[in-house]
């Protein structure tokens, strides 16, 4: 069973700096794996990632930022693809409606 310990204060204020990226982020130390984890309390499940570093330092902040940016980019690509599909469907429907009116 996982033993998670929330990290609220640390030497370099990494937890605070990561929380400034997203107010819902929390860092936990997993006592079973001896690794730091990033969780988002607004998501279910809350687990987001495991930091690949044995200590909390600036690399963890950079890693959290990079992961958030990649996720945003993926979401934006999905939105753009969906919008393109909607535009194509709308254009096709308009074309078919125009062709039906010409055939009458």
N, C-alpha and C. Protein backbone atom coordinates (compact mmCIF):
# COMPACT_ATOMS: atom_id res chain seq x y z
N UNK A 1 0.84 -1.18 0.00
CA UNK A 1 0.00 0.00 0.00
C UNK A 1 0.89 1.25 0.00
N UNK A 2 0.47 2.22 -0.78
CA UNK A 2 1.27 3.44 -0.90
C UNK A 2 1.24 4.26 0.39
N UNK A 3 2.38 4.76 0.74
CA UNK A 3 2.50 5.68 1.86
C UNK A 3 2.88 7.03 1.28
N UNK A 4 1.92 7.90 1.14
CA UNK A 4 2.16 9.22 0.56
C UNK A 4 2.24 10.26 1.66
N UNK A 5 3.29 11.07 1.59
CA UNK A 5 3.50 12.15 2.55
C UNK A 5 3.54 13.45 1.77
N UNK A 6 2.62 14.35 2.06
CA UNK A 6 2.59 15.62 1.33
C UNK A 6 3.80 16.47 1.68
N UNK A 7 4.40 17.04 0.66
CA UNK A 7 5.53 17.95 0.84
C UNK A 7 4.98 19.37 0.75
N UNK A 8 4.99 20.06 1.86
CA UNK A 8 4.46 21.43 1.89
C UNK A 8 5.59 22.45 1.95
N UNK A 9 6.62 22.13 2.68
CA UNK A 9 7.77 23.02 2.82
C UNK A 9 9.03 22.24 2.50
N UNK A 10 9.89 22.85 1.72
CA UNK A 10 11.16 22.22 1.41
C UNK A 10 12.22 23.32 1.31
N UNK A 11 13.45 22.92 1.29
CA UNK A 11 14.58 23.84 1.37
C UNK A 11 14.54 24.93 0.29
N UNK A 12 14.22 24.56 -0.95
CA UNK A 12 14.26 25.51 -2.06
C UNK A 12 12.87 25.99 -2.49
N UNK A 13 11.86 25.76 -1.66
CA UNK A 13 10.47 26.16 -1.94
C UNK A 13 9.97 25.59 -3.27
N UNK A 14 10.39 24.36 -3.59
CA UNK A 14 9.98 23.72 -4.84
C UNK A 14 8.48 23.46 -4.85
N UNK A 15 7.95 22.98 -3.73
CA UNK A 15 6.51 22.71 -3.65
C UNK A 15 5.71 23.98 -3.93
N UNK A 16 6.15 25.07 -3.35
CA UNK A 16 5.47 26.36 -3.56
C UNK A 16 5.60 26.82 -5.02
N UNK A 17 6.77 26.64 -5.60
CA UNK A 17 6.98 27.06 -6.99
C UNK A 17 6.15 26.23 -7.95
N UNK A 18 6.03 24.93 -7.67
CA UNK A 18 5.20 24.07 -8.52
C UNK A 18 3.74 24.42 -8.35
N UNK A 19 3.34 24.74 -7.14
CA UNK A 19 1.96 25.15 -6.89
C UNK A 19 1.63 26.45 -7.63
N UNK A 20 2.64 27.28 -7.89
CA UNK A 20 2.40 28.51 -8.64
C UNK A 20 2.09 28.22 -10.12
N UNK A 21 2.49 27.05 -10.61
CA UNK A 21 2.15 26.63 -11.97
C UNK A 21 0.66 26.34 -12.05
N UNK A 22 0.18 25.60 -11.05
CA UNK A 22 -1.24 25.24 -10.96
C UNK A 22 -1.57 25.12 -9.49
N UNK A 23 -2.54 25.89 -9.05
CA UNK A 23 -2.88 25.92 -7.63
C UNK A 23 -3.38 24.57 -7.11
N UNK A 24 -3.77 23.68 -8.02
CA UNK A 24 -4.28 22.37 -7.62
C UNK A 24 -3.19 21.30 -7.51
N UNK A 25 -1.95 21.66 -7.85
CA UNK A 25 -0.84 20.72 -7.77
C UNK A 25 -0.42 20.52 -6.32
N UNK A 26 -0.09 19.27 -6.00
CA UNK A 26 0.49 18.93 -4.71
C UNK A 26 1.60 17.93 -4.95
N UNK A 27 2.65 18.03 -4.16
CA UNK A 27 3.77 17.10 -4.26
C UNK A 27 3.70 16.16 -3.06
N UNK A 28 3.89 14.88 -3.36
CA UNK A 28 3.92 13.87 -2.31
C UNK A 28 5.21 13.08 -2.44
N UNK A 29 5.72 12.65 -1.30
CA UNK A 29 6.82 11.69 -1.29
C UNK A 29 6.19 10.33 -1.07
N UNK A 30 6.45 9.41 -1.99
CA UNK A 30 5.92 8.05 -1.88
C UNK A 30 6.91 7.22 -1.08
N UNK A 31 6.50 6.82 0.12
CA UNK A 31 7.37 6.07 1.01
C UNK A 31 7.67 4.67 0.52
N UNK A 32 6.83 4.11 -0.34
CA UNK A 32 7.07 2.78 -0.89
C UNK A 32 8.12 2.81 -2.00
N UNK A 33 8.02 3.80 -2.89
CA UNK A 33 8.95 3.86 -4.03
C UNK A 33 10.13 4.78 -3.77
N UNK A 34 10.03 5.59 -2.72
CA UNK A 34 11.06 6.59 -2.39
C UNK A 34 11.24 7.59 -3.53
N UNK A 35 10.13 8.00 -4.12
CA UNK A 35 10.12 8.97 -5.21
C UNK A 35 9.11 10.06 -4.90
N UNK A 36 9.33 11.22 -5.53
CA UNK A 36 8.39 12.32 -5.41
C UNK A 36 7.37 12.23 -6.54
N UNK A 37 6.11 12.53 -6.21
CA UNK A 37 5.03 12.46 -7.18
C UNK A 37 4.30 13.79 -7.24
N UNK A 38 3.78 14.08 -8.41
CA UNK A 38 2.94 15.27 -8.59
C UNK A 38 1.50 14.80 -8.71
N UNK A 39 0.63 15.43 -7.94
CA UNK A 39 -0.80 15.11 -7.96
C UNK A 39 -1.57 16.40 -8.23
N UNK A 40 -2.74 16.26 -8.85
CA UNK A 40 -3.63 17.38 -9.09
C UNK A 40 -4.93 17.07 -8.37
N UNK A 41 -5.22 17.82 -7.32
CA UNK A 41 -6.36 17.51 -6.46
C UNK A 41 -7.72 17.70 -7.14
N UNK A 42 -7.76 18.35 -8.30
CA UNK A 42 -9.04 18.53 -9.00
C UNK A 42 -9.34 17.41 -9.98
N UNK A 43 -8.41 16.48 -10.14
CA UNK A 43 -8.61 15.37 -11.08
C UNK A 43 -8.74 14.06 -10.32
N UNK A 44 -9.43 13.16 -10.91
CA UNK A 44 -9.58 11.82 -10.34
C UNK A 44 -9.16 10.82 -11.40
N UNK A 45 -8.16 10.01 -11.22
CA UNK A 45 -7.29 9.99 -10.05
C UNK A 45 -6.38 11.22 -10.02
N UNK A 46 -5.88 11.51 -8.86
CA UNK A 46 -5.09 12.74 -8.68
C UNK A 46 -3.67 12.61 -9.21
N UNK A 47 -3.16 11.39 -9.33
CA UNK A 47 -1.77 11.18 -9.76
C UNK A 47 -1.54 11.77 -11.16
N UNK A 48 -0.45 12.52 -11.31
CA UNK A 48 -0.08 13.11 -12.60
C UNK A 48 1.22 12.53 -13.13
N UNK A 49 2.25 12.49 -12.29
CA UNK A 49 3.55 11.99 -12.73
C UNK A 49 4.44 11.72 -11.55
N UNK A 50 5.50 10.96 -11.82
CA UNK A 50 6.56 10.73 -10.84
C UNK A 50 7.80 11.45 -11.33
N UNK A 51 8.37 12.26 -10.48
CA UNK A 51 9.58 12.99 -10.87
C UNK A 51 10.73 11.99 -11.01
N UNK A 52 11.53 12.11 -12.08
CA UNK A 52 12.63 11.16 -12.28
C UNK A 52 13.89 11.51 -11.51
N UNK A 53 13.77 12.39 -10.54
CA UNK A 53 14.94 12.86 -9.79
C UNK A 53 14.80 12.42 -8.33
N UNK A 54 15.91 12.10 -7.69
CA UNK A 54 15.84 11.62 -6.30
C UNK A 54 15.58 12.74 -5.29
N UNK A 55 15.78 14.00 -5.69
CA UNK A 55 15.55 15.13 -4.79
C UNK A 55 14.68 16.16 -5.48
N UNK A 56 14.09 17.03 -4.69
CA UNK A 56 13.32 18.14 -5.24
C UNK A 56 14.25 19.32 -5.47
N UNK A 57 14.35 19.74 -6.70
CA UNK A 57 15.14 20.91 -7.04
C UNK A 57 14.53 21.56 -8.29
N UNK A 58 15.26 22.49 -8.88
CA UNK A 58 14.74 23.23 -10.03
C UNK A 58 14.35 22.31 -11.18
N UNK A 59 15.01 21.19 -11.31
CA UNK A 59 14.67 20.23 -12.37
C UNK A 59 13.22 19.77 -12.24
N UNK A 60 12.75 19.62 -11.00
CA UNK A 60 11.37 19.20 -10.78
C UNK A 60 10.39 20.28 -11.25
N UNK A 61 10.72 21.53 -11.00
CA UNK A 61 9.88 22.64 -11.47
C UNK A 61 9.85 22.64 -13.00
N UNK A 62 11.01 22.51 -13.63
CA UNK A 62 11.09 22.47 -15.09
C UNK A 62 10.31 21.29 -15.66
N UNK A 63 10.42 20.16 -15.01
CA UNK A 63 9.73 18.94 -15.46
C UNK A 63 8.21 19.12 -15.37
N UNK A 64 7.74 19.71 -14.28
CA UNK A 64 6.30 19.96 -14.13
C UNK A 64 5.81 20.95 -15.18
N UNK A 65 6.59 21.99 -15.43
CA UNK A 65 6.24 22.96 -16.48
C UNK A 65 6.17 22.30 -17.84
N UNK A 66 7.18 21.52 -18.18
CA UNK A 66 7.24 20.86 -19.48
C UNK A 66 6.07 19.90 -19.65
N UNK A 67 5.75 19.15 -18.62
CA UNK A 67 4.63 18.21 -18.69
C UNK A 67 3.32 18.95 -18.90
N UNK A 68 3.14 20.07 -18.21
CA UNK A 68 1.92 20.86 -18.38
C UNK A 68 1.81 21.43 -19.78
N UNK A 69 2.92 21.89 -20.34
CA UNK A 69 2.92 22.46 -21.68
C UNK A 69 2.60 21.38 -22.71
N UNK A 70 3.20 20.20 -22.57
CA UNK A 70 2.92 19.11 -23.51
C UNK A 70 1.44 18.74 -23.47
N UNK A 71 0.88 18.71 -22.27
CA UNK A 71 -0.54 18.37 -22.13
C UNK A 71 -1.40 19.43 -22.79
N UNK A 72 -1.06 20.70 -22.59
CA UNK A 72 -1.83 21.78 -23.23
C UNK A 72 -1.73 21.71 -24.74
N UNK A 73 -0.53 21.41 -25.24
CA UNK A 73 -0.35 21.30 -26.69
C UNK A 73 -1.20 20.17 -27.26
N UNK A 74 -1.25 19.06 -26.55
CA UNK A 74 -2.05 17.92 -27.00
C UNK A 74 -3.53 18.30 -27.02
N UNK A 75 -3.98 18.98 -25.99
CA UNK A 75 -5.37 19.39 -25.91
C UNK A 75 -5.70 20.38 -27.03
N UNK A 76 -4.80 21.33 -27.27
CA UNK A 76 -5.03 22.30 -28.36
C UNK A 76 -5.08 21.60 -29.71
N UNK A 77 -4.23 20.61 -29.94
CA UNK A 77 -4.28 19.86 -31.20
C UNK A 77 -5.62 19.14 -31.34
N UNK A 78 -6.11 18.56 -30.26
CA UNK A 78 -7.40 17.87 -30.31
C UNK A 78 -8.52 18.85 -30.63
N UNK A 79 -8.48 20.03 -30.03
CA UNK A 79 -9.50 21.05 -30.30
C UNK A 79 -9.45 21.47 -31.75
N UNK A 80 -8.24 21.71 -32.27
CA UNK A 80 -8.08 22.12 -33.66
C UNK A 80 -8.59 21.05 -34.61
N UNK A 81 -8.30 19.79 -34.34
CA UNK A 81 -8.78 18.69 -35.17
C UNK A 81 -10.30 18.61 -35.15
N UNK A 82 -10.87 18.77 -33.97
CA UNK A 82 -12.32 18.72 -33.84
C UNK A 82 -12.97 19.88 -34.60
N UNK A 83 -12.41 21.07 -34.47
CA UNK A 83 -12.95 22.23 -35.18
C UNK A 83 -12.85 22.05 -36.69
N UNK A 84 -11.75 21.49 -37.15
CA UNK A 84 -11.57 21.24 -38.59
C UNK A 84 -12.62 20.25 -39.08
N UNK A 85 -12.86 19.21 -38.30
CA UNK A 85 -13.87 18.22 -38.66
C UNK A 85 -15.25 18.87 -38.73
N UNK A 86 -15.57 19.71 -37.77
CA UNK A 86 -16.86 20.41 -37.78
C UNK A 86 -17.00 21.31 -39.00
N UNK A 87 -15.93 22.02 -39.35
CA UNK A 87 -15.96 22.89 -40.53
C UNK A 87 -16.18 22.07 -41.80
N UNK A 88 -15.50 20.92 -41.90
CA UNK A 88 -15.67 20.07 -43.07
C UNK A 88 -17.09 19.52 -43.16
N UNK A 89 -17.64 19.10 -42.04
CA UNK A 89 -19.03 18.61 -42.02
C UNK A 89 -20.00 19.72 -42.40
N UNK A 90 -19.77 20.91 -41.91
CA UNK A 90 -20.63 22.04 -42.23
C UNK A 90 -20.55 22.37 -43.73
N UNK A 91 -19.34 22.38 -44.28
CA UNK A 91 -19.15 22.67 -45.71
C UNK A 91 -19.83 21.60 -46.56
N UNK A 92 -19.72 20.35 -46.17
CA UNK A 92 -20.36 19.26 -46.91
C UNK A 92 -21.88 19.39 -46.87
N UNK A 93 -22.41 19.67 -45.68
CA UNK A 93 -23.86 19.83 -45.54
C UNK A 93 -24.35 21.01 -46.38
N UNK A 94 -23.61 22.10 -46.39
CA UNK A 94 -23.98 23.27 -47.18
C UNK A 94 -23.93 22.95 -48.67
N UNK A 95 -22.92 22.22 -49.09
CA UNK A 95 -22.79 21.82 -50.49
C UNK A 95 -23.97 20.94 -50.90
N UNK A 96 -24.29 19.95 -50.06
CA UNK A 96 -25.41 19.06 -50.38
C UNK A 96 -26.73 19.82 -50.43
N UNK A 97 -26.92 20.76 -49.55
CA UNK A 97 -28.15 21.56 -49.54
C UNK A 97 -28.22 22.41 -50.82
N UNK A 98 -27.10 22.98 -51.20
CA UNK A 98 -27.05 23.78 -52.43
C UNK A 98 -27.33 22.90 -53.64
N UNK A 99 -26.77 21.72 -53.69
CA UNK A 99 -26.99 20.81 -54.84
C UNK A 99 -28.45 20.37 -54.90
N UNK A 100 -29.06 20.14 -53.76
CA UNK A 100 -30.49 19.75 -53.74
C UNK A 100 -31.37 20.88 -54.28
N UNK A 101 -31.03 22.11 -53.92
CA UNK A 101 -31.84 23.23 -54.40
C UNK A 101 -31.67 23.44 -55.89
N UNK A 102 -30.51 23.12 -56.45
CA UNK A 102 -30.27 23.26 -57.88
C UNK A 102 -31.04 22.18 -58.65
N UNK A 103 -31.13 20.98 -58.10
CA UNK A 103 -31.78 19.86 -58.75
C UNK A 103 -33.29 20.06 -58.84
N UNK A 104 -33.89 20.88 -58.03
CA UNK A 104 -35.33 21.09 -58.04
C UNK A 104 -35.69 21.84 -59.25
